[in-house]
């Protein structure tokens, strides 16, 4: 869902970009990196294995958007733990 948000935002703005991800298999000789060019003329289909919409980690969205706006393009990264605000006690 997070990638869908970032990709859709970029395409809605008519901003083309590179999307890259690493691939790994049990056989390390077939591991590698893939990249595709996405722009407003791209046809995308998102399919999820579960029907529930996940909680959105805004920090991850921001990190993915920074990546998508960089010269290297959007690079898939592992979701960071959500930032939990610290409540200050009133004294």
PDB file of N, CA and C in Angstrom:
ATOM      1  N   UNK A   1       0.824  -1.185   0.000  1.00  0.00           N
ATOM      2  CA  UNK A   1       0.000   0.000   0.000  1.00  0.00           C
ATOM      3  C   UNK A   1       0.873   1.254   0.000  1.00  0.00           C
ATOM      4  N   UNK A   2       2.002   1.228   0.721  1.00  0.00           N
ATOM      5  CA  UNK A   2       2.871   2.387   0.807  1.00  0.00           C
ATOM      6  C   UNK A   2       3.462   2.736  -0.568  1.00  0.00           C
ATOM      7  N   UNK A   3       3.909   1.723  -1.291  1.00  0.00           N
ATOM      8  CA  UNK A   3       4.428   1.972  -2.633  1.00  0.00           C
ATOM      9  C   UNK A   3       3.328   2.503  -3.547  1.00  0.00           C
ATOM     10  N   UNK A   4       2.129   1.988  -3.404  1.00  0.00           N
ATOM     11  CA  UNK A   4       1.014   2.462  -4.211  1.00  0.00           C
ATOM     12  C   UNK A   4       0.785   3.956  -3.978  1.00  0.00           C
ATOM     13  N   UNK A   5       0.844   4.388  -2.735  1.00  0.00           N
ATOM     14  CA  UNK A   5       0.650   5.801  -2.408  1.00  0.00           C
ATOM     15  C   UNK A   5       1.727   6.656  -3.074  1.00  0.00           C
ATOM     16  N   UNK A   6       2.980   6.240  -2.951  1.00  0.00           N
ATOM     17  CA  UNK A   6       4.091   7.021  -3.510  1.00  0.00           C
ATOM     18  C   UNK A   6       4.035   7.033  -5.039  1.00  0.00           C
ATOM     19  N   UNK A   7       3.857   5.866  -5.641  1.00  0.00           N
ATOM     20  CA  UNK A   7       3.818   5.772  -7.102  1.00  0.00           C
ATOM     21  C   UNK A   7       2.644   6.580  -7.662  1.00  0.00           C
ATOM     22  N   UNK A   8       1.478   6.444  -7.053  1.00  0.00           N
ATOM     23  CA  UNK A   8       0.301   7.168  -7.526  1.00  0.00           C
ATOM     24  C   UNK A   8       0.493   8.683  -7.384  1.00  0.00           C
ATOM     25  N   UNK A   9       1.097   9.118  -6.297  1.00  0.00           N
ATOM     26  CA  UNK A   9       1.365  10.545  -6.113  1.00  0.00           C
ATOM     27  C   UNK A   9       2.271  11.073  -7.211  1.00  0.00           C
ATOM     28  N   UNK A  10       3.349  10.359  -7.489  1.00  0.00           N
ATOM     29  CA  UNK A  10       4.280  10.789  -8.536  1.00  0.00           C
ATOM     30  C   UNK A  10       3.584  10.842  -9.903  1.00  0.00           C
ATOM     31  N   UNK A  11       2.816   9.814 -10.238  1.00  0.00           N
ATOM     32  CA  UNK A  11       2.167   9.774 -11.545  1.00  0.00           C
ATOM     33  C   UNK A  11       1.056  10.808 -11.656  1.00  0.00           C
ATOM     34  N   UNK A  12       0.364  11.053 -10.566  1.00  0.00           N
ATOM     35  CA  UNK A  12      -0.684  12.075 -10.564  1.00  0.00           C
ATOM     36  C   UNK A  12      -0.080  13.451 -10.864  1.00  0.00           C
ATOM     37  N   UNK A  13       1.155  13.662 -10.415  1.00  0.00           N
ATOM     38  CA  UNK A  13       1.864  14.917 -10.688  1.00  0.00           C
ATOM     39  C   UNK A  13       2.502  14.918 -12.078  1.00  0.00           C
ATOM     40  N   UNK A  14       2.323  13.830 -12.817  1.00  0.00           N
ATOM     41  CA  UNK A  14       2.922  13.636 -14.137  1.00  0.00           C
ATOM     42  C   UNK A  14       4.446  13.646 -14.076  1.00  0.00           C
ATOM     43  N   UNK A  15       4.996  13.061 -13.009  1.00  0.00           N
ATOM     44  CA  UNK A  15       6.440  12.965 -12.821  1.00  0.00           C
ATOM     45  C   UNK A  15       6.883  11.526 -13.093  1.00  0.00           C
ATOM     46  N   UNK A  16       7.656  11.348 -14.169  1.00  0.00           N
ATOM     47  CA  UNK A  16       8.222  10.031 -14.446  1.00  0.00           C
ATOM     48  C   UNK A  16       9.393   9.759 -13.519  1.00  0.00           C
ATOM     49  N   UNK A  17       9.691   8.482 -13.283  1.00  0.00           N
ATOM     50  CA  UNK A  17      10.783   8.121 -12.375  1.00  0.00           C
ATOM     51  C   UNK A  17      11.169   6.662 -12.562  1.00  0.00           C
ATOM     52  N   UNK A  18      12.334   6.328 -12.071  1.00  0.00           N
ATOM     53  CA  UNK A  18      12.822   4.951 -12.038  1.00  0.00           C
ATOM     54  C   UNK A  18      12.363   4.310 -10.734  1.00  0.00           C
ATOM     55  N   UNK A  19      11.929   3.054 -10.794  1.00  0.00           N
ATOM     56  CA  UNK A  19      11.587   2.282  -9.591  1.00  0.00           C
ATOM     57  C   UNK A  19      12.498   1.062  -9.587  1.00  0.00           C
ATOM     58  N   UNK A  20      13.258   0.890  -8.509  1.00  0.00           N
ATOM     59  CA  UNK A  20      14.221  -0.216  -8.395  1.00  0.00           C
ATOM     60  C   UNK A  20      13.939  -1.052  -7.163  1.00  0.00           C
ATOM     61  N   UNK A  21      14.294  -2.314  -7.229  1.00  0.00           N
ATOM     62  CA  UNK A  21      14.174  -3.211  -6.082  1.00  0.00           C
ATOM     63  C   UNK A  21      15.200  -4.324  -6.228  1.00  0.00           C
ATOM     64  N   UNK A  22      15.568  -4.904  -5.108  1.00  0.00           N
ATOM     65  CA  UNK A  22      16.495  -6.028  -5.137  1.00  0.00           C
ATOM     66  C   UNK A  22      15.700  -7.322  -5.106  1.00  0.00           C
ATOM     67  N   UNK A  23      16.279  -8.323  -5.693  1.00  0.00           N
ATOM     68  CA  UNK A  23      15.651  -9.638  -5.732  1.00  0.00           C
ATOM     69  C   UNK A  23      16.625 -10.637  -5.135  1.00  0.00           C
ATOM     70  N   UNK A  24      16.108 -11.534  -4.341  1.00  0.00           N
ATOM     71  CA  UNK A  24      16.967 -12.583  -3.804  1.00  0.00           C
ATOM     72  C   UNK A  24      16.209 -13.898  -3.880  1.00  0.00           C
ATOM     73  N   UNK A  25      16.952 -14.945  -4.085  1.00  0.00           N
ATOM     74  CA  UNK A  25      16.395 -16.288  -4.137  1.00  0.00           C
ATOM     75  C   UNK A  25      17.233 -17.171  -3.239  1.00  0.00           C
ATOM     76  N   UNK A  26      16.804 -18.387  -3.077  1.00  0.00           N
ATOM     77  CA  UNK A  26      17.596 -19.338  -2.301  1.00  0.00           C
ATOM     78  C   UNK A  26      18.946 -19.564  -2.975  1.00  0.00           C
ATOM     79  N   UNK A  27      18.953 -19.482  -4.295  1.00  0.00           N
ATOM     80  CA  UNK A  27      20.187 -19.629  -5.063  1.00  0.00           C
ATOM     81  C   UNK A  27      20.763 -18.240  -5.305  1.00  0.00           C
ATOM     82  N   UNK A  28      21.795 -17.881  -4.574  1.00  0.00           N
ATOM     83  CA  UNK A  28      22.364 -16.532  -4.631  1.00  0.00           C
ATOM     84  C   UNK A  28      22.835 -16.126  -6.024  1.00  0.00           C
ATOM     85  N   UNK A  29      23.048 -17.084  -6.932  1.00  0.00           N
ATOM     86  CA  UNK A  29      23.502 -16.726  -8.272  1.00  0.00           C
ATOM     87  C   UNK A  29      22.403 -16.018  -9.054  1.00  0.00           C
ATOM     88  N   UNK A  30      21.151 -16.144  -8.631  1.00  0.00           N
ATOM     89  CA  UNK A  30      20.040 -15.501  -9.325  1.00  0.00           C
ATOM     90  C   UNK A  30      19.573 -14.232  -8.628  1.00  0.00           C
ATOM     91  N   UNK A  31      20.270 -13.813  -7.596  1.00  0.00           N
ATOM     92  CA  UNK A  31      19.913 -12.576  -6.915  1.00  0.00           C
ATOM     93  C   UNK A  31      20.354 -11.394  -7.767  1.00  0.00           C
ATOM     94  N   UNK A  32      19.717 -10.265  -7.564  1.00  0.00           N
ATOM     95  CA  UNK A  32      20.113  -9.099  -8.335  1.00  0.00           C
ATOM     96  C   UNK A  32      19.204  -7.922  -8.064  1.00  0.00           C
ATOM     97  N   UNK A  33      19.232  -6.965  -8.985  1.00  0.00           N
ATOM     98  CA  UNK A  33      18.444  -5.758  -8.861  1.00  0.00           C
ATOM     99  C   UNK A  33      17.665  -5.559 -10.141  1.00  0.00           C
ATOM    100  N   UNK A  34      16.444  -5.102 -10.020  1.00  0.00           N
ATOM    101  CA  UNK A  34      15.613  -4.787 -11.180  1.00  0.00           C
ATOM    102  C   UNK A  34      15.218  -3.323 -11.108  1.00  0.00           C
ATOM    103  N   UNK A  35      14.957  -2.727 -12.261  1.00  0.00           N
ATOM    104  CA  UNK A  35      14.509  -1.341 -12.320  1.00  0.00           C
ATOM    105  C   UNK A  35      13.591  -1.169 -13.523  1.00  0.00           C
ATOM    106  N   UNK A  36      12.556  -0.343 -13.352  1.00  0.00           N
ATOM    107  CA  UNK A  36      11.661  -0.021 -14.457  1.00  0.00           C
ATOM    108  C   UNK A  36      11.420   1.484 -14.472  1.00  0.00           C
ATOM    109  N   UNK A  37      11.121   2.030 -15.640  1.00  0.00           N
ATOM    110  CA  UNK A  37      10.762   3.436 -15.785  1.00  0.00           C
ATOM    111  C   UNK A  37       9.244   3.523 -15.715  1.00  0.00           C
ATOM    112  N   UNK A  38       8.739   4.415 -14.880  1.00  0.00           N
ATOM    113  CA  UNK A  38       7.307   4.637 -14.758  1.00  0.00           C
ATOM    114  C   UNK A  38       7.002   6.084 -15.119  1.00  0.00           C
ATOM    115  N   UNK A  39       5.948   6.293 -15.899  1.00  0.00           N
ATOM    116  CA  UNK A  39       5.478   7.648 -16.178  1.00  0.00           C
ATOM    117  C   UNK A  39       3.964   7.618 -16.308  1.00  0.00           C
ATOM    118  N   UNK A  40       3.373   8.768 -16.607  1.00  0.00           N
ATOM    119  CA  UNK A  40       1.911   8.893 -16.615  1.00  0.00           C
ATOM    120  C   UNK A  40       1.243   7.963 -17.631  1.00  0.00           C
ATOM    121  N   UNK A  41       1.967   7.492 -18.640  1.00  0.00           N
ATOM    122  CA  UNK A  41       1.378   6.578 -19.624  1.00  0.00           C
ATOM    123  C   UNK A  41       1.462   5.110 -19.186  1.00  0.00           C
ATOM    124  N   UNK A  42       2.106   4.831 -18.039  1.00  0.00           N
ATOM    125  CA  UNK A  42       2.230   3.460 -17.549  1.00  0.00           C
ATOM    126  C   UNK A  42       0.881   2.923 -17.074  1.00  0.00           C
ATOM    127  N   UNK A  43       0.655   1.661 -17.326  1.00  0.00           N
ATOM    128  CA  UNK A  43      -0.544   1.005 -16.813  1.00  0.00           C
ATOM    129  C   UNK A  43      -0.098   0.133 -15.639  1.00  0.00           C
ATOM    130  N   UNK A  44      -0.676   0.384 -14.490  1.00  0.00           N
ATOM    131  CA  UNK A  44      -0.299  -0.355 -13.285  1.00  0.00           C
ATOM    132  C   UNK A  44      -1.508  -1.096 -12.726  1.00  0.00           C
ATOM    133  N   UNK A  45      -1.228  -2.219 -12.117  1.00  0.00           N
ATOM    134  CA  UNK A  45      -2.260  -3.013 -11.456  1.00  0.00           C
ATOM    135  C   UNK A  45      -1.694  -3.435 -10.119  1.00  0.00           C
ATOM    136  N   UNK A  46      -2.375  -3.084  -9.051  1.00  0.00           N
ATOM    137  CA  UNK A  46      -1.941  -3.451  -7.703  1.00  0.00           C
ATOM    138  C   UNK A  46      -2.803  -4.609  -7.228  1.00  0.00           C
ATOM    139  N   UNK A  47      -2.170  -5.664  -6.734  1.00  0.00           N
ATOM    140  CA  UNK A  47      -2.891  -6.825  -6.221  1.00  0.00           C
ATOM    141  C   UNK A  47      -2.333  -7.147  -4.860  1.00  0.00           C
ATOM    142  N   UNK A  48      -3.232  -7.316  -3.879  1.00  0.00           N
ATOM    143  CA  UNK A  48      -2.816  -7.599  -2.506  1.00  0.00           C
ATOM    144  C   UNK A  48      -3.350  -8.950  -2.081  1.00  0.00           C
ATOM    145  N   UNK A  49      -2.603  -9.634  -1.237  1.00  0.00           N
ATOM    146  CA  UNK A  49      -3.001 -10.973  -0.793  1.00  0.00           C
ATOM    147  C   UNK A  49      -4.017 -10.933   0.346  1.00  0.00           C
ATOM    148  N   UNK A  50      -4.231  -9.771   0.933  1.00  0.00           N
ATOM    149  CA  UNK A  50      -5.230  -9.626   2.005  1.00  0.00           C
ATOM    150  C   UNK A  50      -6.151  -8.462   1.650  1.00  0.00           C
ATOM    151  N   UNK A  51      -7.369  -8.484   2.195  1.00  0.00           N
ATOM    152  CA  UNK A  51      -8.332  -7.442   1.835  1.00  0.00           C
ATOM    153  C   UNK A  51      -8.277  -6.219   2.741  1.00  0.00           C
ATOM    154  N   UNK A  52      -7.703  -6.365   3.920  1.00  0.00           N
ATOM    155  CA  UNK A  52      -7.677  -5.227   4.838  1.00  0.00           C
ATOM    156  C   UNK A  52      -6.635  -4.201   4.398  1.00  0.00           C
ATOM    157  N   UNK A  53      -6.944  -2.947   4.620  1.00  0.00           N
ATOM    158  CA  UNK A  53      -6.010  -1.860   4.321  1.00  0.00           C
ATOM    159  C   UNK A  53      -5.083  -1.712   5.527  1.00  0.00           C
ATOM    160  N   UNK A  54      -3.761  -1.747   5.311  1.00  0.00           N
ATOM    161  CA  UNK A  54      -2.828  -1.673   6.447  1.00  0.00           C
ATOM    162  C   UNK A  54      -2.777  -0.274   7.050  1.00  0.00           C
ATOM    163  N   UNK A  55      -2.249  -0.194   8.257  1.00  0.00           N
ATOM    164  CA  UNK A  55      -1.961   1.112   8.850  1.00  0.00           C
ATOM    165  C   UNK A  55      -0.864   1.760   8.022  1.00  0.00           C
ATOM    166  N   UNK A  56      -0.977   3.050   7.808  1.00  0.00           N
ATOM    167  CA  UNK A  56      -0.003   3.755   6.984  1.00  0.00           C
ATOM    168  C   UNK A  56       1.093   4.343   7.877  1.00  0.00           C
ATOM    169  N   UNK A  57       2.330   4.003   7.549  1.00  0.00           N
ATOM    170  CA  UNK A  57       3.500   4.497   8.257  1.00  0.00           C
ATOM    171  C   UNK A  57       3.978   5.749   7.512  1.00  0.00           C
ATOM    172  N   UNK A  58       3.627   6.921   8.022  1.00  0.00           N
ATOM    173  CA  UNK A  58       3.923   8.184   7.331  1.00  0.00           C
ATOM    174  C   UNK A  58       5.431   8.414   7.176  1.00  0.00           C
ATOM    175  N   UNK A  59       6.230   7.928   8.127  1.00  0.00           N
ATOM    176  CA  UNK A  59       7.682   8.072   8.023  1.00  0.00           C
ATOM    177  C   UNK A  59       8.196   7.297   6.810  1.00  0.00           C
ATOM    178  N   UNK A  60       7.666   6.110   6.579  1.00  0.00           N
ATOM    179  CA  UNK A  60       8.079   5.300   5.436  1.00  0.00           C
ATOM    180  C   UNK A  60       7.656   5.968   4.128  1.00  0.00           C
ATOM    181  N   UNK A  61       6.426   6.509   4.106  1.00  0.00           N
ATOM    182  CA  UNK A  61       5.966   7.229   2.918  1.00  0.00           C
ATOM    183  C   UNK A  61       6.928   8.366   2.598  1.00  0.00           C
ATOM    184  N   UNK A  62       7.312   9.127   3.617  1.00  0.00           N
ATOM    185  CA  UNK A  62       8.236  10.250   3.413  1.00  0.00           C
ATOM    186  C   UNK A  62       9.576   9.765   2.875  1.00  0.00           C
ATOM    187  N   UNK A  63      10.105   8.690   3.439  1.00  0.00           N
ATOM    188  CA  UNK A  63      11.389   8.149   2.969  1.00  0.00           C
ATOM    189  C   UNK A  63      11.291   7.682   1.519  1.00  0.00           C
ATOM    190  N   UNK A  64      10.177   7.026   1.176  1.00  0.00           N
ATOM    191  CA  UNK A  64       9.986   6.559  -0.194  1.00  0.00           C
ATOM    192  C   UNK A  64       9.845   7.740  -1.158  1.00  0.00           C
ATOM    193  N   UNK A  65       9.152   8.805  -0.738  1.00  0.00           N
ATOM    194  CA  UNK A  65       9.001   9.991  -1.594  1.00  0.00           C
ATOM    195  C   UNK A  65      10.347  10.681  -1.821  1.00  0.00           C
ATOM    196  N   UNK A  66      11.165  10.766  -0.781  1.00  0.00           N
ATOM    197  CA  UNK A  66      12.503  11.356  -0.934  1.00  0.00           C
ATOM    198  C   UNK A  66      13.297  10.536  -1.940  1.00  0.00           C
ATOM    199  N   UNK A  67      13.212   9.225  -1.834  1.00  0.00           N
ATOM    200  CA  UNK A  67      13.898   8.342  -2.768  1.00  0.00           C
ATOM    201  C   UNK A  67      13.368   8.547  -4.187  1.00  0.00           C
ATOM    202  N   UNK A  68      12.047   8.600  -4.338  1.00  0.00           N
ATOM    203  CA  UNK A  68      11.437   8.763  -5.662  1.00  0.00           C
ATOM    204  C   UNK A  68      11.832  10.095  -6.303  1.00  0.00           C
ATOM    205  N   UNK A  69      12.070  11.114  -5.496  1.00  0.00           N
ATOM    206  CA  UNK A  69      12.443  12.428  -6.014  1.00  0.00           C
ATOM    207  C   UNK A  69      13.941  12.577  -6.246  1.00  0.00           C
ATOM    208  N   UNK A  70      14.714  11.555  -5.917  1.00  0.00           N
ATOM    209  CA  UNK A  70      16.168  11.623  -6.087  1.00  0.00           C
ATOM    210  C   UNK A  70      16.570  11.250  -7.517  1.00  0.00           C
ATOM    211  N   UNK A  71      17.798  11.536  -7.864  1.00  0.00           N
ATOM    212  CA  UNK A  71      18.308  11.202  -9.197  1.00  0.00           C
ATOM    213  C   UNK A  71      18.300   9.692  -9.447  1.00  0.00           C
ATOM    214  N   UNK A  72      18.467   8.903  -8.385  1.00  0.00           N
ATOM    215  CA  UNK A  72      18.485   7.448  -8.527  1.00  0.00           C
ATOM    216  C   UNK A  72      17.099   6.831  -8.627  1.00  0.00           C
ATOM    217  N   UNK A  73      16.067   7.598  -8.313  1.00  0.00           N
ATOM    218  CA  UNK A  73      14.696   7.099  -8.408  1.00  0.00           C
ATOM    219  C   UNK A  73      14.253   6.357  -7.162  1.00  0.00           C
ATOM    220  N   UNK A  74      13.012   5.909  -7.198  1.00  0.00           N
ATOM    221  CA  UNK A  74      12.404   5.187  -6.077  1.00  0.00           C
ATOM    222  C   UNK A  74      13.075   3.841  -5.900  1.00  0.00           C
ATOM    223  N   UNK A  75      13.572   3.587  -4.706  1.00  0.00           N
ATOM    224  CA  UNK A  75      14.188   2.301  -4.386  1.00  0.00           C
ATOM    225  C   UNK A  75      13.433   1.704  -3.213  1.00  0.00           C
ATOM    226  N   UNK A  76      12.910   0.498  -3.409  1.00  0.00           N
ATOM    227  CA  UNK A  76      12.168  -0.160  -2.350  1.00  0.00           C
ATOM    228  C   UNK A  76      13.081  -0.410  -1.161  1.00  0.00           C
ATOM    229  N   UNK A  77      12.591  -0.067   0.026  1.00  0.00           N
ATOM    230  CA  UNK A  77      13.332  -0.303   1.257  1.00  0.00           C
ATOM    231  C   UNK A  77      12.411  -0.951   2.275  1.00  0.00           C
ATOM    232  N   UNK A  78      12.995  -1.572   3.262  1.00  0.00           N
ATOM    233  CA  UNK A  78      12.231  -2.225   4.316  1.00  0.00           C
ATOM    234  C   UNK A  78      11.544  -1.157   5.154  1.00  0.00           C
ATOM    235  N   UNK A  79      10.331  -1.443   5.581  1.00  0.00           N
ATOM    236  CA  UNK A  79       9.580  -0.488   6.383  1.00  0.00           C
ATOM    237  C   UNK A  79      10.261  -0.251   7.723  1.00  0.00           C
ATOM    238  N   UNK A  80      10.530   1.023   8.047  1.00  0.00           N
ATOM    239  CA  UNK A  80      11.102   1.323   9.362  1.00  0.00           C
ATOM    240  C   UNK A  80      10.007   1.214  10.429  1.00  0.00           C
ATOM    241  N   UNK A  81      10.385   0.988  11.674  1.00  0.00           N
ATOM    242  CA  UNK A  81       9.357   0.953  12.712  1.00  0.00           C
ATOM    243  C   UNK A  81       8.687   2.315  12.817  1.00  0.00           C
ATOM    244  N   UNK A  82       7.378   2.340  13.096  1.00  0.00           N
ATOM    245  CA  UNK A  82       6.699   3.627  13.206  1.00  0.00           C
ATOM    246  C   UNK A  82       7.252   4.454  14.359  1.00  0.00           C
ATOM    247  N   UNK A  83       7.273   5.752  14.155  1.00  0.00           N
ATOM    248  CA  UNK A  83       7.732   6.663  15.202  1.00  0.00           C
ATOM    249  C   UNK A  83       6.592   6.833  16.193  1.00  0.00           C
ATOM    250  N   UNK A  84       6.866   6.528  17.447  1.00  0.00           N
ATOM    251  CA  UNK A  84       5.857   6.658  18.498  1.00  0.00           C
ATOM    252  C   UNK A  84       6.162   7.914  19.286  1.00  0.00           C
ATOM    253  N   UNK A  85       5.234   8.885  19.269  1.00  0.00           N
ATOM    254  CA  UNK A  85       5.498  10.112  19.996  1.00  0.00           C
ATOM    255  C   UNK A  85       5.607   9.864  21.505  1.00  0.00           C
ATOM    256  N   UNK A  86       6.539  10.550  22.123  1.00  0.00           N
ATOM    257  CA  UNK A  86       6.740  10.419  23.557  1.00  0.00           C
ATOM    258  C   UNK A  86       5.863  11.460  24.251  1.00  0.00           C
ATOM    259  N   UNK A  87       5.024  11.024  25.144  1.00  0.00           N
ATOM    260  CA  UNK A  87       4.173  11.942  25.887  1.00  0.00           C
ATOM    261  C   UNK A  87       4.936  12.495  27.063  1.00  0.00           C
ATOM    262  N   UNK A  88       4.920  13.799  27.195  1.00  0.00           N
ATOM    263  CA  UNK A  88       5.608  14.438  28.313  1.00  0.00           C
ATOM    264  C   UNK A  88       4.630  14.552  29.473  1.00  0.00           C
ATOM    265  N   UNK A  89       5.104  14.212  30.656  1.00  0.00           N
ATOM    266  CA  UNK A  89       4.240  14.314  31.827  1.00  0.00           C
ATOM    267  C   UNK A  89       4.210  15.755  32.295  1.00  0.00           C
ATOM    268  N   UNK A  90       3.082  16.144  32.796  1.00  0.00           N
ATOM    269  CA  UNK A  90       2.939  17.496  33.337  1.00  0.00           C
ATOM    270  C   UNK A  90       3.380  17.485  34.793  1.00  0.00           C
ATOM    271  N   UNK A  91       4.289  18.357  35.108  1.00  0.00           N
ATOM    272  CA  UNK A  91       4.781  18.415  36.491  1.00  0.00           C
ATOM    273  C   UNK A  91       4.383  19.705  37.147  1.00  0.00           C
TER     274      UNK A  91
END
